[in-house]
Every structure is written in C-alpha cells, then in structure tokens.
C-alpha atoms as a PDB file:
ATOM      1  CA  ALA A   1      33.772 135.837  82.553  1.00  0.00           C
ATOM      2  CA  PHE A   2      34.204 134.478  79.217  1.00  0.00           C
ATOM      3  CA  GLY A   3      37.036 135.722  76.665  1.00  0.00           C
ATOM      4  CA  SER A   4      36.798 135.990  73.009  1.00  0.00           C
ATOM      5  CA  LEU A   5      38.582 133.517  71.139  1.00  0.00           C
ATOM      6  CA  GLY A   6      37.356 134.869  67.496  1.00  0.00           C
ATOM      7  CA  LYS A   7      34.313 136.124  66.191  1.00  0.00           C
ATOM      8  CA  LEU A   8      32.635 136.692  62.850  1.00  0.00           C
ATOM      9  CA  ASP A   9      30.701 139.815  62.168  1.00  0.00           C
ATOM     10  CA  PHE A  10      27.929 140.271  59.633  1.00  0.00           C
ATOM     11  CA  TYR A  11      27.518 143.814  58.697  1.00  0.00           C
ATOM     12  CA  ASN A  12      24.209 145.788  57.962  1.00  0.00           C
ATOM     13  CA  GLY A  13      23.668 145.898  54.078  1.00  0.00           C
ATOM     14  CA  ASN A  14      22.958 149.567  53.910  1.00  0.00           C
ATOM     15  CA  SER A  15      25.257 152.444  53.449  1.00  0.00           C
ATOM     16  CA  ASN A  16      26.312 152.551  57.103  1.00  0.00           C
ATOM     17  CA  ALA A  17      28.651 149.346  56.928  1.00  0.00           C
ATOM     18  CA  ASN A  18      30.151 150.012  60.873  1.00  0.00           C
ATOM     19  CA  ILE A  19      26.685 148.400  61.978  1.00  0.00           C
ATOM     20  CA  VAL A  20      27.011 144.760  63.154  1.00  0.00           C
ATOM     21  CA  ALA A  21      23.687 143.002  62.364  1.00  0.00           C
ATOM     22  CA  ALA A  22      24.730 139.600  63.659  1.00  0.00           C
ATOM     23  CA  ARG A  23      27.889 137.994  65.101  1.00  0.00           C
ATOM     24  CA  ILE A  24      28.928 134.413  65.682  1.00  0.00           C
ATOM     25  CA  GLU A  25      31.796 134.050  68.697  1.00  0.00           C
ATOM     26  CA  GLY A  26      33.857 131.513  70.119  1.00  0.00           C
ATOM     27  CA  LYS A  27      34.435 131.791  73.801  1.00  0.00           C
ATOM     28  CA  ARG A  28      35.934 130.275  76.472  1.00  0.00           C
ATOM     29  CA  ASP A  29      36.096 130.801  80.167  1.00  0.00           C
ATOM     30  CA  SER A  30      38.773 133.617  81.038  1.00  0.00           C
ATOM     31  CA  GLN A  31      39.498 131.908  84.378  1.00  0.00           C
ATOM     32  CA  THR A  32      40.031 128.273  83.741  1.00  0.00           C
ATOM     33  CA  TYR A  33      40.541 128.240  79.945  1.00  0.00           C
ATOM     34  CA  LYS A  34      37.951 125.577  79.971  1.00  0.00           C
ATOM     35  CA  ASP A  35      34.159 125.506  79.096  1.00  0.00           C
ATOM     36  CA  GLY A  36      34.212 126.779  75.545  1.00  0.00           C
ATOM     37  CA  ARG A  37      31.094 128.018  73.995  1.00  0.00           C
ATOM     38  CA  LEU A  38      29.771 129.336  70.604  1.00  0.00           C
ATOM     39  CA  SER A  39      27.447 132.412  71.136  1.00  0.00           C
ATOM     40  CA  PHE A  40      24.990 133.926  68.395  1.00  0.00           C
ATOM     41  CA  TYR A  41      24.226 137.491  68.618  1.00  0.00           C
ATOM     42  CA  THR A  42      21.528 139.425  66.802  1.00  0.00           C
ATOM     43  CA  ALA A  43      21.366 143.532  66.793  1.00  0.00           C
ATOM     44  CA  ASP A  44      18.301 145.286  67.853  1.00  0.00           C
ATOM     45  CA  ASP A  45      17.421 148.276  65.476  1.00  0.00           C
ATOM     46  CA  SER A  46      19.790 150.644  67.378  1.00  0.00           C
ATOM     47  CA  GLY A  47      22.731 147.906  66.401  1.00  0.00           C
ATOM     48  CA  VAL A  48      22.904 146.642  70.044  1.00  0.00           C
ATOM     49  CA  LEU A  49      24.066 143.296  70.088  1.00  0.00           C
ATOM     50  CA  GLN A  50      22.245 140.712  72.068  1.00  0.00           C
ATOM     51  CA  GLU A  51      23.354 137.224  72.942  1.00  0.00           C
ATOM     52  CA  ASN A  52      20.262 135.110  71.706  1.00  0.00           C
ATOM     53  CA  MET A  53      21.897 131.731  71.462  1.00  0.00           C
ATOM     54  CA  ILE A  54      24.692 129.623  73.445  1.00  0.00           C
ATOM     55  CA  LEU A  55      26.109 126.465  72.013  1.00  0.00           C
ATOM     56  CA  SER A  56      28.038 124.698  75.090  1.00  0.00           C
ATOM     57  CA  ARG A  57      30.901 122.409  74.558  1.00  0.00           C
ATOM     58  CA  LYS A  58      28.837 119.592  75.959  1.00  0.00           C
ATOM     59  CA  GLY A  59      26.314 120.377  73.061  1.00  0.00           C
ATOM     60  CA  ASN A  60      23.682 121.961  75.271  1.00  0.00           C
ATOM     61  CA  LEU A  61      21.833 124.389  73.218  1.00  0.00           C
ATOM     62  CA  ALA A  62      20.218 127.903  75.041  1.00  0.00           C
ATOM     63  CA  ILE A  63      17.770 129.811  73.366  1.00  0.00           C
ATOM     64  CA  LYS A  64      16.548 133.090  74.477  1.00  0.00           C
ATOM     65  CA  GLY A  65      13.258 133.825  72.964  1.00  0.00           C
ATOM     66  CA  LYS A  66      10.848 131.098  70.956  1.00  0.00           C
ATOM     67  CA  LEU A  67      11.937 127.871  69.355  1.00  0.00           C
ATOM     68  CA  GLU A  68       9.825 127.344  65.722  1.00  0.00           C
ATOM     69  CA  ALA A  69      10.498 123.931  63.975  1.00  0.00           C
ATOM     70  CA  GLU A  70       8.704 121.528  61.346  1.00  0.00           C
ATOM     71  CA  GLU A  71       9.707 118.524  63.599  1.00  0.00           C
ATOM     72  CA  ILE A  72      11.527 117.662  67.044  1.00  0.00           C
ATOM     73  CA  LYS A  73      12.640 114.220  67.628  1.00  0.00           C
ATOM     74  CA  VAL A  74      13.431 113.631  71.220  1.00  0.00           C
ATOM     75  CA  THR A  75      15.442 110.092  71.600  1.00  0.00           C
ATOM     76  CA  LEU A  76      16.573 108.044  74.417  1.00  0.00           C
ATOM     77  CA  SER A  77      13.176 108.491  76.078  1.00  0.00           C
ATOM     78  CA  PRO A  78      11.426 105.568  77.922  1.00  0.00           C
ATOM     79  CA  THR A  79       7.767 104.967  77.294  1.00  0.00           C
ATOM     80  CA  ALA A  80       4.896 104.652  79.345  1.00  0.00           C
ATOM     81  CA  ASP A  81       3.810 101.202  78.395  1.00  0.00           C
ATOM     82  CA  PHE A  82       4.447  99.925  81.924  1.00  0.00           C
ATOM     83  CA  VAL A  83       0.834 100.723  82.582  1.00  0.00           C
ATOM     84  CA  PHE A  84      -0.082  97.720  80.430  1.00  0.00           C
ATOM     85  CA  GLU A  85       1.835  95.338  82.529  1.00  0.00           C
ATOM     86  CA  PRO A  86      -0.266  92.727  84.378  1.00  0.00           C
ATOM     87  CA  ASP A  87       1.328  93.874  87.797  1.00  0.00           C
ATOM     88  CA  TYR A  88       0.603  97.847  87.268  1.00  0.00           C
ATOM     89  CA  ASN A  89      -1.586  99.052  89.825  1.00  0.00           C
ATOM     90  CA  LEU A  90      -4.079 101.487  88.250  1.00  0.00           C
ATOM     91  CA  PRO A  91      -5.305 103.688  90.900  1.00  0.00           C
ATOM     92  CA  ALA A  92      -8.914 103.671  91.597  1.00  0.00           C
ATOM     93  CA  LEU A  93     -11.044 106.835  90.129  1.00  0.00           C
ATOM     94  CA  SER A  94     -12.035 107.538  93.731  1.00  0.00           C
ATOM     95  CA  ASP A  95      -8.444 107.980  94.970  1.00  0.00           C
ATOM     96  CA  ILE A  96      -7.883 110.583  91.810  1.00  0.00           C
ATOM     97  CA  GLU A  97     -10.922 112.183  92.562  1.00  0.00           C
ATOM     98  CA  ILE A  98      -9.855 112.861  96.343  1.00  0.00           C
ATOM     99  CA  TYR A  99      -6.192 114.198  95.122  1.00  0.00           C
ATOM    100  CA  ILE A 100      -7.424 116.096  92.260  1.00  0.00           C
ATOM    101  CA  LYS A 101      -9.827 117.890  94.690  1.00  0.00           C
ATOM    102  CA  GLU A 102      -6.774 118.370  97.361  1.00  0.00           C
ATOM    103  CA  ASN A 103      -3.801 119.191  95.226  1.00  0.00           C
ATOM    104  CA  LYS A 104      -5.881 120.691  91.999  1.00  0.00           C
ATOM    105  CA  HIS A 105      -3.693 118.465  89.441  1.00  0.00           C
ATOM    106  CA  LEU A 106      -3.341 115.375  88.281  1.00  0.00           C
ATOM    107  CA  PRO A 107      -0.934 113.105  90.415  1.00  0.00           C
ATOM    108  CA  GLU A 108       2.437 112.601  88.831  1.00  0.00           C
ATOM    109  CA  ILE A 109       1.953 115.801  87.078  1.00  0.00           C
ATOM    110  CA  ALA A 110       3.565 118.784  88.149  1.00  0.00           C
ATOM    111  CA  SER A 111       1.245 122.093  89.231  1.00  0.00           C
ATOM    112  CA  ALA A 112       0.844 124.834  87.085  1.00  0.00           C
ATOM    113  CA  ASN A 113       3.376 126.677  89.778  1.00  0.00           C
ATOM    114  CA  GLU A 114       5.857 124.042  89.721  1.00  0.00           C
ATOM    115  CA  MET A 115       5.786 124.364  86.031  1.00  0.00           C
ATOM    116  CA  LYS A 116       6.284 128.254  85.919  1.00  0.00           C
ATOM    117  CA  GLU A 117       8.946 128.089  88.358  1.00  0.00           C
ATOM    118  CA  ASN A 118      10.654 124.976  87.725  1.00  0.00           C
ATOM    119  CA  GLY A 119      10.280 124.868  83.755  1.00  0.00           C
ATOM    120  CA  LEU A 120       9.045 121.870  82.210  1.00  0.00           C
ATOM    121  CA  ASN A 121      11.361 118.713  80.532  1.00  0.00           C
ATOM    122  CA  ILE A 122       9.210 118.037  77.393  1.00  0.00           C
ATOM    123  CA  SER A 123      10.315 114.645  77.162  1.00  0.00           C
ATOM    124  CA  GLU A 124       9.284 113.504  80.901  1.00  0.00           C
ATOM    125  CA  PHE A 125       6.098 115.350  80.271  1.00  0.00           C
ATOM    126  CA  GLN A 126       5.188 113.572  77.029  1.00  0.00           C
ATOM    127  CA  ILE A 127       5.662 110.353  78.825  1.00  0.00           C
ATOM    128  CA  GLN A 128       3.468 111.571  81.918  1.00  0.00           C
ATOM    129  CA  LEU A 129       0.870 112.422  79.443  1.00  0.00           C
ATOM    130  CA  LEU A 130       1.096 109.285  77.514  1.00  0.00           C
ATOM    131  CA  GLN A 131       0.819 107.315  80.955  1.00  0.00           C
ATOM    132  CA  LYS A 132      -2.481 109.146  81.878  1.00  0.00           C
ATOM    133  CA  ILE A 133      -3.589 108.629  78.368  1.00  0.00           C
ATOM    134  CA  GLU A 134      -3.206 104.595  78.586  1.00  0.00           C
ATOM    135  CA  GLU A 135      -4.755 105.114  82.055  1.00  0.00           C
ATOM    136  CA  LEU A 136      -7.778 106.462  80.859  1.00  0.00           C
ATOM    137  CA  THR A 137      -7.722 104.018  78.070  1.00  0.00           C
ATOM    138  CA  LEU A 138      -7.875 101.296  80.687  1.00  0.00           C
ATOM    139  CA  TYR A 139     -10.431 102.852  82.600  1.00  0.00           C
ATOM    140  CA  MET A 140     -12.791 103.052  79.691  1.00  0.00           C
ATOM    141  CA  ILE A 141     -12.330  99.455  78.961  1.00  0.00           C
ATOM    142  CA  GLU A 142     -13.673  98.877  82.534  1.00  0.00           C
ATOM    143  CA  ILE A 143     -16.422 101.282  81.817  1.00  0.00           C
ATOM    144  CA  ASN A 144     -17.064  99.827  78.306  1.00  0.00           C
ATOM    145  CA  LYS A 145     -17.248  96.333  80.356  1.00  0.00           C
ATOM    146  CA  GLU A 146     -19.558  97.460  82.904  1.00  0.00           C
ATOM    147  CA  VAL A 147     -22.056  99.212  80.419  1.00  0.00           C
ATOM    148  CA  LYS A 148     -22.153  96.050  78.364  1.00  0.00           C
ATOM    149  CA  THR A 149     -22.991  94.117  81.599  1.00  0.00           C
ATOM    150  CA  LEU A 150     -25.663  96.553  82.726  1.00  0.00           C
ATOM    151  CA  ARG A 151     -26.981  96.661  79.035  1.00  0.00           C
ATOM    152  CA  ASN A 152     -27.265  92.846  79.237  1.00  0.00           C
ATOM    153  CA  GLU A 153     -29.009  93.067  82.832  1.00  0.00           C
ATOM    154  CA  ASN A 154     -31.573  95.755  81.799  1.00  0.00           C
ATOM    155  CA  GLU A 155     -32.517  93.719  78.740  1.00  0.00           C
ATOM    156  CA  LEU A 156     -33.000  90.656  80.968  1.00  0.00           C
ATOM    157  CA  LEU A 157     -35.045  92.581  83.554  1.00  0.00           C
ATOM    158  CA  LYS A 158     -37.343  94.133  80.690  1.00  0.00           C
ATOM    159  CA  LYS A 159     -37.939  90.702  79.657  1.00  0.00           C
ATOM    160  CA  GLU A 160     -38.987  89.878  83.191  1.00  0.00           C
ATOM    161  CA  ILE A 161     -41.045  92.711  83.386  1.00  0.00           C
ATOM    162  CA  ASN A 162     -42.829  92.031  80.081  1.00  0.00           C
ATOM    163  CA  THR A 163     -43.321  87.995  81.262  1.00  0.00           C
ATOM    164  CA  LEU A 164     -44.866  89.422  84.445  1.00  0.00           C
ATOM    165  CA  LYS A 165     -47.207  91.809  82.953  1.00  0.00           C
ATOM    166  CA  THR A 166     -48.357  88.928  80.604  1.00  0.00           C
ATOM    167  CA  GLN A 167     -49.065  86.850  83.682  1.00  0.00           C
ATOM    168  CA  LEU A 168     -51.302  89.569  85.134  1.00  0.00           C
END
C-alpha cells in the first residue's frame, strides 16, 4: 500500500481539459514510510491511467511493456576469458552431444522453459553466450589442426600410391 507524496498531471490538449494524459507520482509505503518510489502513468484512449514505469529508491527500474533504445551499456560484468586459460577444462564434444540429447539445451544455458518461467538476466546470458562462442572457437582451432594433419597425411599417401604405381 503506497501513499502519494505528490503528483504532476499532464492533461490532454483537446477541448476536454479534465482528462489526464499522463502522470508522474512520488509514493512512499504508507505503513513504514520507507521504500519511496516514483511512478509514471499513461492514459489509454478512455482516460484510464495505467502505471507503466516505476523507479525505486534503490535505483531499480520496472517497465511494463517493451524497452527500445539505441544503445544499452551493461557495466560491472565479468567476462568469459577464463575459457582461454591453460587450466580450463574444455568439455569433450561427445559429452556435449550426450548432454544435448538428454536435456535439449546447451550445458550452463537455461532451458526455454526456465527462461519463460524465471526470465533472463541479460548480463549473465551475454557472458554465457560469449563462453560458448569462445569454446566453439577453441573447438574450431582443434578441428583446423586435425584437418591440416589429415591433409598432410593424405598428400603423403597419394605420393606413396603414385610411387607404388610406377614401380609396378
């Protein structure tokens, strides 16, 4: 139960000046007089105000609807560079294959149901995705080395076959 500390109404610009188009309202918990917040309202076509954004005293921002921005910067996030440390235990692809068959998602990544149920921490998810990209890069480097080795072996075998053919 929040009590109003003050509000600023923005009225519709048409002839009916009694219709509030938007409102900014400062509120405080009416029981403890703590936990102040700033609420932002917009009116629908019939003039009914709906709370669409809340800024808490702790700086948390809740938005009911979509967020559109040209840029969003997330700070204080660690990275996934630990993947490139010499002691990092890169999982075997065969183990990942088994995990995917059993769980229907990548290891260390939430399932679609978990994401639907609990939402998604963008910062943590970006780091998890970066970790998977870095792991994929390490796998590709290993595969590239194997391909080069196989090509060299193949060239040697072709030469041996040609040498054997000429001796016959």
